[in-house]
Amino acid sequence: LRALLTSTLLPPPFRLSVPSMQHTSRARQMSRSGCAIAAAPWRRAGVAWRLSLLALGALAQPREARADPDGFLVMSTPRDSKISWVRLPENGDFAGAVPKTLIDTGLKAPQGIAVDKKRRRLYVADPDAQKIFAYQLSIVSGRLVADSEQITICSGIESRWVAVDGAGTIFFTDEPQNRILKVAADKAMRGKVTPEVVYSDAAEINKPGGLAVDNFHVFWTNKNFGQEAGSLVRGAESPLSGGAAASLSILAKNSVKCYGVCIAMGNVFFTDSEKAIYGVKKDGGAVAEVSGALSRPRGCAWDGDGTVYVADRGAGAVFSFASNMHVISETTLTKAFEFEDAFGLAVLNGAARHLFALPSAVLAACLALLAAASPGLLEH
């Protein structure tokens, strides 16, 4: 067991030596000669010490972090019909960062975008083409690359926003028809599938704008009559049959026309059409203005750690602010980098990469406690 744990869970610098067969034989001889009482405490301490060090090593060396030390922010530009990316720096300093082109063919006016982090797929809502497109992403020599093959998920729908949950289910809007639609992950890459209607003909849907999901709920903004239909609305990802309307909750009615929406832990942030970004708790409560210093804000995205990025189409830039607010309140936005006609934003990887070692660490810590409490179980 020690050999298995030390070889599979610990990175090379932390791997522990395993007692040789000679040592094992010596322990058996001690047991037969009546020395088991003296030997057992040493063996128990040795197992517990090794497993404790194993836990520390697993926490100190997140193995997956080495492959991709930084995340990527992906941006859409409707005017130029392209998708771009920029690397997210570890220290948050974008000085000298220059956005690079990811896709510049096959699109008309891409707006909302979403990244399936687990499967590394990019989804693009293109209302002028009336299609939802998909691309397979890869990281080559530190650069984000999209495969040349463009996959059409569905067509004939004027959608301006798209989102994807942890299971890979794709959600998107049908703005003219006031609908929220979805396509299951196992059907998505088949191409040109018929989407499932999640919500339609509800008073809480009026020209839906931005879209975000968290595996339990779908959140959207409305671009028409937001102070009546709701500036920000929450509904179940899979409402009960016949009870869809009952699962809807209006979280905000503070603005007539809103665009982007993003989720950061227990907070939901959303932008209006003119200058402001607001925040509210996922379960509802008071709506607070985070900043009113923007110019035509559009999409926003959370980096998985403590930063939210906001696309400012009017200023031709992407701004950022700290998202880990216990009490949502006004804060200062920082210009991250310039980017003309910024609209949709999405993050690939980001700070979540540091969590990959956690299961190993938890397992090792549990085994350490087990070794101290029941040494005989590990010895046999």
Protein backbone atom coordinates (compact mmCIF):
# COMPACT_ATOMS: atom_id res chain seq x y z
CA LEU A 1 0.00 0.00 0.00
CA ARG A 2 2.86 2.35 0.85
CA ALA A 3 4.51 1.62 -2.48
CA LEU A 4 1.29 2.26 -4.38
CA LEU A 5 0.59 5.54 -2.60
CA THR A 6 4.08 6.93 -2.84
CA SER A 7 4.45 6.05 -6.52
CA THR A 8 1.10 7.32 -7.74
CA LEU A 9 0.13 10.24 -5.54
CA LEU A 10 3.43 11.97 -4.78
CA PRO A 11 5.46 13.94 -7.29
CA PRO A 12 9.03 12.67 -7.66
CA PRO A 13 10.64 15.08 -5.14
CA PHE A 14 8.31 13.84 -2.41
CA ARG A 15 8.31 10.11 -3.08
CA LEU A 16 9.19 8.05 -0.06
CA SER A 17 11.39 5.00 0.14
CA VAL A 18 9.59 1.74 0.83
CA PRO A 19 11.07 -0.71 3.36
CA SER A 20 13.01 -3.45 1.63
CA MET A 21 12.27 -7.13 1.90
CA GLN A 22 15.22 -7.41 4.30
CA HIS A 23 13.61 -4.95 6.69
CA THR A 24 10.27 -6.73 6.39
CA SER A 25 11.89 -10.07 7.20
CA ARG A 26 13.65 -8.54 10.18
CA ALA A 27 10.32 -7.27 11.49
CA ARG A 28 8.82 -10.74 11.19
CA GLN A 29 11.77 -12.20 13.12
CA MET A 30 11.30 -9.61 15.86
CA SER A 31 7.64 -10.56 16.08
CA ARG A 32 8.44 -14.24 16.43
CA SER A 33 11.10 -13.59 19.07
CA GLY A 34 8.76 -11.64 21.33
CA CYS A 35 9.81 -8.17 20.21
CA ALA A 36 6.50 -7.33 18.60
CA ILE A 37 5.51 -5.08 21.47
CA ALA A 38 8.60 -2.95 20.96
CA ALA A 39 8.42 -3.00 17.17
CA ALA A 40 4.71 -2.21 16.72
CA PRO A 41 4.83 1.42 17.96
CA TRP A 42 7.76 2.17 15.66
CA ARG A 43 5.91 0.65 12.70
CA ARG A 44 2.70 2.54 13.54
CA ALA A 45 4.58 5.80 13.80
CA GLY A 46 6.41 5.07 10.55
CA VAL A 47 3.19 4.49 8.60
CA ALA A 48 1.47 7.55 10.07
CA TRP A 49 4.55 9.71 9.43
CA ARG A 50 4.83 8.57 5.83
CA LEU A 51 1.15 9.15 5.10
CA SER A 52 1.20 12.57 6.77
CA LEU A 53 4.16 13.57 4.64
CA LEU A 54 2.27 12.18 1.65
CA ALA A 55 -0.62 14.56 2.38
CA LEU A 56 1.73 17.53 2.63
CA GLY A 57 3.46 16.57 -0.58
CA ALA A 58 0.20 16.23 -2.47
CA LEU A 59 -0.90 19.66 -1.30
CA ALA A 60 2.45 21.29 -1.99
CA GLN A 61 2.81 19.91 -5.53
CA PRO A 62 -0.33 20.32 -7.68
CA ARG A 63 0.85 18.10 -10.51
CA GLU A 64 -1.57 19.38 -13.15
CA ALA A 65 -0.50 22.98 -12.60
CA ARG A 66 2.80 22.38 -14.39
CA ALA A 67 1.20 21.51 -17.73
CA ASP A 68 -0.75 24.77 -17.98
CA PRO A 69 0.52 27.39 -15.51
CA ASP A 70 -1.90 30.08 -16.71
CA GLY A 71 -5.47 30.29 -17.87
CA PHE A 72 -6.85 31.98 -20.97
CA LEU A 73 -9.47 34.66 -21.45
CA VAL A 74 -11.39 34.29 -24.71
CA MET A 75 -13.13 37.30 -26.29
CA SER A 76 -15.54 37.84 -29.18
CA THR A 77 -15.53 40.77 -31.62
CA PRO A 78 -18.79 41.04 -33.63
CA ARG A 79 -17.54 43.90 -35.82
CA ASP A 80 -14.45 42.01 -36.99
CA SER A 81 -16.15 38.58 -37.06
CA LYS A 82 -13.49 36.91 -34.95
CA ILE A 83 -12.59 35.32 -31.64
CA SER A 84 -9.38 36.21 -29.79
CA TRP A 85 -7.56 35.15 -26.63
CA VAL A 86 -5.12 36.49 -24.08
CA ARG A 87 -3.22 34.63 -21.38
CA LEU A 88 -4.28 35.27 -17.78
CA PRO A 89 -1.11 36.17 -15.87
CA GLU A 90 -0.47 34.66 -12.44
CA ASN A 91 0.12 38.08 -10.86
CA GLY A 92 -2.82 39.74 -12.59
CA ASP A 93 -0.58 42.19 -14.46
CA PHE A 94 -1.53 42.44 -18.14
CA ALA A 95 1.28 44.87 -18.97
CA GLY A 96 2.41 44.15 -22.52
CA ALA A 97 -0.40 41.65 -23.14
CA VAL A 98 -1.55 41.62 -26.76
CA PRO A 99 -4.72 39.68 -27.69
CA LYS A 100 -4.11 37.02 -30.31
CA THR A 101 -6.53 35.74 -32.94
CA LEU A 102 -8.11 32.37 -32.31
CA ILE A 103 -10.75 32.23 -35.10
CA ASP A 104 -11.12 34.70 -37.99
CA THR A 105 -13.04 32.71 -40.60
CA GLY A 106 -16.50 31.16 -40.78
CA LEU A 107 -18.20 33.67 -38.46
CA LYS A 108 -20.41 36.68 -39.21
CA ALA A 109 -21.04 38.52 -35.92
CA PRO A 110 -20.06 36.35 -32.92
CA GLN A 111 -21.44 37.64 -29.65
CA GLY A 112 -21.97 35.33 -26.68
CA ILE A 113 -19.31 32.66 -26.10
CA ALA A 114 -18.81 29.87 -23.57
CA VAL A 115 -16.02 27.40 -22.80
CA ASP A 116 -16.55 23.82 -21.62
CA LYS A 117 -13.44 23.58 -19.44
CA LYS A 118 -13.59 19.82 -18.95
CA ARG A 119 -13.89 19.01 -22.65
CA ARG A 120 -12.04 22.10 -23.89
CA ARG A 121 -14.75 23.14 -26.29
CA LEU A 122 -15.66 26.64 -27.33
CA TYR A 123 -19.25 27.52 -28.16
CA VAL A 124 -20.15 30.64 -30.14
CA ALA A 125 -23.54 32.26 -30.62
CA ASP A 126 -23.68 34.03 -33.99
CA PRO A 127 -27.06 35.78 -34.46
CA ASP A 128 -26.30 36.96 -37.99
CA ALA A 129 -25.59 33.38 -39.08
CA GLN A 130 -28.47 32.17 -36.88
CA LYS A 131 -26.31 29.32 -35.62
CA ILE A 132 -24.52 27.99 -32.54
CA PHE A 133 -21.01 26.89 -33.46
CA ALA A 134 -18.54 24.65 -31.61
CA TYR A 135 -14.76 24.33 -31.82
CA GLN A 136 -12.37 21.93 -30.15
CA LEU A 137 -9.62 23.79 -28.28
CA SER A 138 -6.08 22.72 -27.50
CA ILE A 139 -2.99 24.29 -25.97
CA VAL A 140 0.13 24.09 -28.11
CA SER A 141 3.42 25.51 -26.81
CA GLY A 142 1.56 27.83 -24.46
CA ARG A 143 -0.79 29.10 -27.17
CA LEU A 144 -4.53 28.54 -27.39
CA VAL A 145 -5.48 26.89 -30.68
CA ALA A 146 -8.88 26.05 -32.22
CA ASP A 147 -9.24 23.11 -34.57
CA SER A 148 -10.02 24.15 -38.13
CA GLU A 149 -13.25 22.13 -38.18
CA GLN A 150 -16.29 24.22 -37.33
CA ILE A 151 -19.24 22.23 -35.97
CA THR A 152 -22.78 23.59 -36.18
CA ILE A 153 -24.70 22.62 -33.05
CA CYS A 154 -28.02 23.99 -34.31
CA SER A 155 -29.23 26.47 -36.89
CA GLY A 156 -32.23 28.67 -37.66
CA ILE A 157 -32.16 30.30 -34.20
CA GLU A 158 -31.28 33.93 -33.58
CA SER A 159 -29.27 33.42 -30.43
CA ARG A 160 -27.00 36.07 -28.90
CA TRP A 161 -25.79 34.21 -25.85
CA VAL A 162 -24.65 30.73 -24.89
CA ALA A 163 -23.54 28.98 -21.68
CA VAL A 164 -22.41 25.47 -20.74
CA ASP A 165 -22.65 23.64 -17.41
CA GLY A 166 -20.33 21.10 -15.80
CA ALA A 167 -22.10 18.19 -17.48
CA GLY A 168 -21.50 19.73 -20.90
CA THR A 169 -25.14 20.70 -21.50
CA ILE A 170 -25.35 23.77 -23.73
CA PHE A 171 -27.87 26.50 -22.96
CA PHE A 172 -28.64 29.36 -25.33
CA THR A 173 -31.22 32.05 -25.95
CA ASP A 174 -33.74 32.49 -28.75
CA GLU A 175 -34.23 36.24 -28.48
CA PRO A 176 -37.05 36.86 -31.01
CA GLN A 177 -39.11 33.92 -29.71
CA ASN A 178 -38.41 34.62 -26.02
CA ARG A 179 -37.09 31.14 -25.30
CA ILE A 180 -34.30 29.47 -23.35
CA LEU A 181 -33.10 26.30 -25.09
CA LYS A 182 -30.61 23.54 -24.36
CA VAL A 183 -28.78 20.65 -26.01
CA ALA A 184 -27.42 17.70 -24.01
CA ALA A 185 -23.68 17.06 -24.11
CA ASP A 186 -24.01 13.63 -25.78
CA LYS A 187 -25.92 15.21 -28.66
CA ALA A 188 -23.96 18.43 -29.00
CA MET A 189 -21.15 17.26 -31.27
CA ARG A 190 -23.43 15.36 -33.64
CA GLY A 191 -24.28 18.65 -35.31
CA LYS A 192 -27.58 20.31 -36.23
CA VAL A 193 -29.70 18.77 -33.51
CA THR A 194 -33.14 19.92 -32.43
CA PRO A 195 -32.78 21.76 -29.11
CA GLU A 196 -34.98 21.15 -26.09
CA VAL A 197 -37.10 24.06 -24.88
CA VAL A 198 -36.39 24.87 -21.24
CA TYR A 199 -38.49 28.03 -20.88
CA SER A 200 -40.85 29.80 -23.28
CA ASP A 201 -43.93 32.01 -23.18
CA ALA A 202 -43.10 33.13 -19.65
CA ALA A 203 -43.62 36.67 -18.38
CA GLU A 204 -40.04 36.55 -17.05
CA ILE A 205 -38.55 36.23 -20.56
CA ASN A 206 -38.54 39.35 -22.72
CA LYS A 207 -35.78 39.55 -25.33
CA PRO A 208 -33.32 37.53 -23.24
CA GLY A 209 -29.75 38.81 -23.18
CA GLY A 210 -26.88 37.25 -21.25
CA LEU A 211 -26.95 33.68 -19.95
CA ALA A 212 -25.09 31.80 -17.20
CA VAL A 213 -25.46 28.38 -15.54
CA ASP A 214 -24.14 26.73 -12.36
CA ASN A 215 -25.28 23.07 -12.77
CA PHE A 216 -28.49 23.75 -10.82
CA HIS A 217 -29.89 27.00 -12.16
CA VAL A 218 -29.85 29.03 -15.33
CA PHE A 219 -29.65 32.83 -15.02
CA TRP A 220 -30.51 35.31 -17.75
CA THR A 221 -30.98 39.02 -18.27
CA ASN A 222 -33.74 40.69 -20.25
CA LYS A 223 -33.19 43.40 -22.84
CA ASN A 224 -36.80 44.57 -22.88
CA PHE A 225 -38.99 45.79 -20.00
CA GLY A 226 -36.51 44.60 -17.40
CA GLN A 227 -38.25 46.51 -14.62
CA GLU A 228 -41.33 44.40 -15.27
CA ALA A 229 -40.13 41.04 -16.63
CA GLY A 230 -36.97 41.19 -14.52
CA SER A 231 -33.52 42.56 -15.18
CA LEU A 232 -32.10 39.27 -13.88
CA VAL A 233 -34.05 36.02 -13.67
CA ARG A 234 -33.18 32.60 -12.20
CA GLY A 235 -34.77 29.28 -13.13
CA ALA A 236 -34.03 25.59 -12.67
CA GLU A 237 -31.83 24.00 -15.34
CA SER A 238 -34.31 21.12 -15.54
CA PRO A 239 -37.74 22.38 -14.43
CA LEU A 240 -40.40 19.85 -13.53
CA SER A 241 -42.80 19.03 -16.31
CA GLY A 242 -45.72 21.45 -16.24
CA GLY A 243 -44.16 23.51 -13.47
CA ALA A 244 -41.61 25.59 -15.34
CA ALA A 245 -43.15 28.91 -14.37
CA ALA A 246 -43.11 27.95 -10.69
CA SER A 247 -39.32 27.52 -10.74
CA LEU A 248 -38.67 31.09 -11.96
CA SER A 249 -37.48 33.81 -9.59
CA ILE A 250 -36.81 37.45 -10.42
CA LEU A 251 -33.58 38.47 -8.70
CA ALA A 252 -33.47 42.08 -9.92
CA LYS A 253 -35.75 44.69 -11.47
CA ASN A 254 -33.38 47.62 -11.38
CA SER A 255 -32.72 48.21 -15.10
CA VAL A 256 -34.81 48.29 -18.26
CA LYS A 257 -32.19 46.70 -20.53
CA CYS A 258 -29.39 44.34 -19.46
CA TYR A 259 -26.76 42.28 -21.27
CA GLY A 260 -24.06 40.08 -19.77
CA VAL A 261 -24.31 37.88 -16.68
CA CYS A 262 -21.72 35.75 -14.89
CA ILE A 263 -21.55 33.72 -11.69
CA ALA A 264 -18.71 34.00 -9.15
CA MET A 265 -19.24 31.58 -6.27
CA GLY A 266 -22.36 32.83 -4.45
CA ASN A 267 -22.54 36.11 -6.36
CA VAL A 268 -24.15 36.92 -9.70
CA PHE A 269 -22.96 39.95 -11.67
CA PHE A 270 -24.78 41.48 -14.64
CA THR A 271 -24.37 44.52 -16.89
CA ASP A 272 -26.83 47.08 -18.17
CA SER A 273 -26.74 48.61 -21.65
CA GLU A 274 -25.15 51.94 -20.76
CA LYS A 275 -22.55 52.13 -17.98
CA ALA A 276 -23.08 49.88 -14.97
CA ILE A 277 -22.41 46.42 -13.64
CA TYR A 278 -24.49 45.16 -10.71
CA GLY A 279 -24.30 42.29 -8.28
CA VAL A 280 -26.72 40.21 -6.25
CA LYS A 281 -26.55 36.97 -4.28
CA LYS A 282 -27.57 33.81 -6.14
CA ASP A 283 -30.39 33.26 -3.68
CA GLY A 284 -31.61 36.83 -4.06
CA GLY A 285 -31.44 39.90 -1.87
CA ALA A 286 -30.41 43.49 -2.28
CA VAL A 287 -29.04 44.51 -5.67
CA ALA A 288 -25.90 46.65 -5.52
CA GLU A 289 -24.11 48.69 -8.15
CA VAL A 290 -20.52 47.48 -8.41
CA SER A 291 -19.47 50.22 -10.82
CA GLY A 292 -21.13 52.88 -12.95
CA ALA A 293 -17.97 53.96 -14.75
CA LEU A 294 -18.23 51.77 -17.84
CA SER A 295 -19.28 52.66 -21.38
CA ARG A 296 -21.61 50.13 -23.03
CA PRO A 297 -20.60 47.08 -20.92
CA ARG A 298 -21.43 43.69 -22.38
CA GLY A 299 -20.25 40.23 -21.34
CA CYS A 300 -18.49 39.24 -18.13
CA ALA A 301 -16.64 36.15 -16.95
CA TRP A 302 -15.24 34.81 -13.68
CA ASP A 303 -11.71 33.35 -13.66
CA GLY A 304 -12.51 30.61 -11.12
CA ASP A 305 -10.52 32.35 -8.40
CA GLY A 306 -11.26 35.90 -7.31
CA THR A 307 -11.52 38.08 -10.41
CA VAL A 308 -14.36 39.01 -12.75
CA TYR A 309 -13.59 40.42 -16.21
CA VAL A 310 -16.01 42.77 -17.98
CA ALA A 311 -16.08 43.59 -21.70
CA ASP A 312 -16.59 47.32 -22.32
CA ARG A 313 -17.59 47.74 -25.93
CA GLY A 314 -17.73 51.52 -25.80
CA ALA A 315 -14.29 51.94 -24.20
CA GLY A 316 -12.70 49.23 -26.35
CA ALA A 317 -11.22 47.45 -23.36
CA VAL A 318 -11.60 44.67 -20.83
CA PHE A 319 -11.81 45.64 -17.15
CA SER A 320 -11.48 43.58 -14.00
CA PHE A 321 -12.48 43.68 -10.33
CA ALA A 322 -12.26 41.48 -7.24
CA SER A 323 -15.31 39.22 -7.09
CA ASN A 324 -14.95 37.59 -3.67
CA MET A 325 -17.34 39.99 -1.94
CA HIS A 326 -19.18 38.81 1.14
CA VAL A 327 -21.27 41.97 0.90
CA ILE A 328 -21.62 43.19 -2.68
CA SER A 329 -20.78 46.87 -2.89
CA GLU A 330 -19.20 49.48 -5.13
CA THR A 331 -15.58 48.86 -6.04
CA THR A 332 -12.88 50.16 -8.37
CA LEU A 333 -12.47 48.58 -11.79
CA THR A 334 -9.04 48.18 -13.34
CA LYS A 335 -8.38 48.26 -17.06
CA ALA A 336 -6.78 44.90 -17.87
CA PHE A 337 -6.03 45.52 -21.55
CA GLU A 338 -7.38 47.26 -24.63
CA PHE A 339 -9.58 45.29 -27.01
CA GLU A 340 -11.73 46.96 -29.65
CA ASP A 341 -15.43 46.03 -29.87
CA ALA A 342 -15.20 43.69 -26.85
CA PHE A 343 -18.42 41.73 -26.41
CA GLY A 344 -18.46 38.14 -25.13
CA LEU A 345 -15.98 36.74 -22.59
CA ALA A 346 -15.17 33.23 -21.41
CA VAL A 347 -12.36 31.66 -19.35
CA LEU A 348 -10.49 28.42 -19.97
CA ASN A 349 -8.81 26.82 -16.96
CA GLY A 350 -7.73 29.76 -14.82
CA ALA A 351 -7.19 29.39 -11.09
CA ALA A 352 -9.22 26.17 -10.85
CA ARG A 353 -6.16 24.26 -12.01
CA HIS A 354 -4.70 24.46 -8.47
CA LEU A 355 -7.48 22.25 -7.15
CA PHE A 356 -6.48 19.14 -9.10
CA ALA A 357 -4.27 17.83 -6.30
CA LEU A 358 -6.97 18.15 -3.66
CA PRO A 359 -8.48 14.63 -3.97
CA SER A 360 -5.03 13.07 -3.48
CA ALA A 361 -4.36 15.25 -0.47
CA VAL A 362 -7.70 14.44 1.12
CA LEU A 363 -7.18 10.71 0.55
CA ALA A 364 -3.69 10.85 2.05
CA ALA A 365 -4.86 12.77 5.11
CA CYS A 366 -7.64 10.26 5.72
CA LEU A 367 -5.22 7.37 5.43
CA ALA A 368 -2.88 9.07 7.88
CA LEU A 369 -5.66 9.25 10.45
CA LEU A 370 -6.57 5.66 9.70
CA ALA A 371 -2.98 4.56 10.26
CA ALA A 372 -2.84 6.24 13.65
CA ALA A 373 -6.20 4.86 14.76
CA SER A 374 -6.02 1.34 13.29
CA PRO A 375 -2.41 0.45 12.51
CA GLY A 376 -3.13 -3.22 12.12
CA LEU A 377 -5.32 -2.57 9.10
CA LEU A 378 -2.45 -1.04 7.13
CA GLU A 379 0.12 -3.56 8.36
CA HIS A 380 -1.91 -6.41 6.94
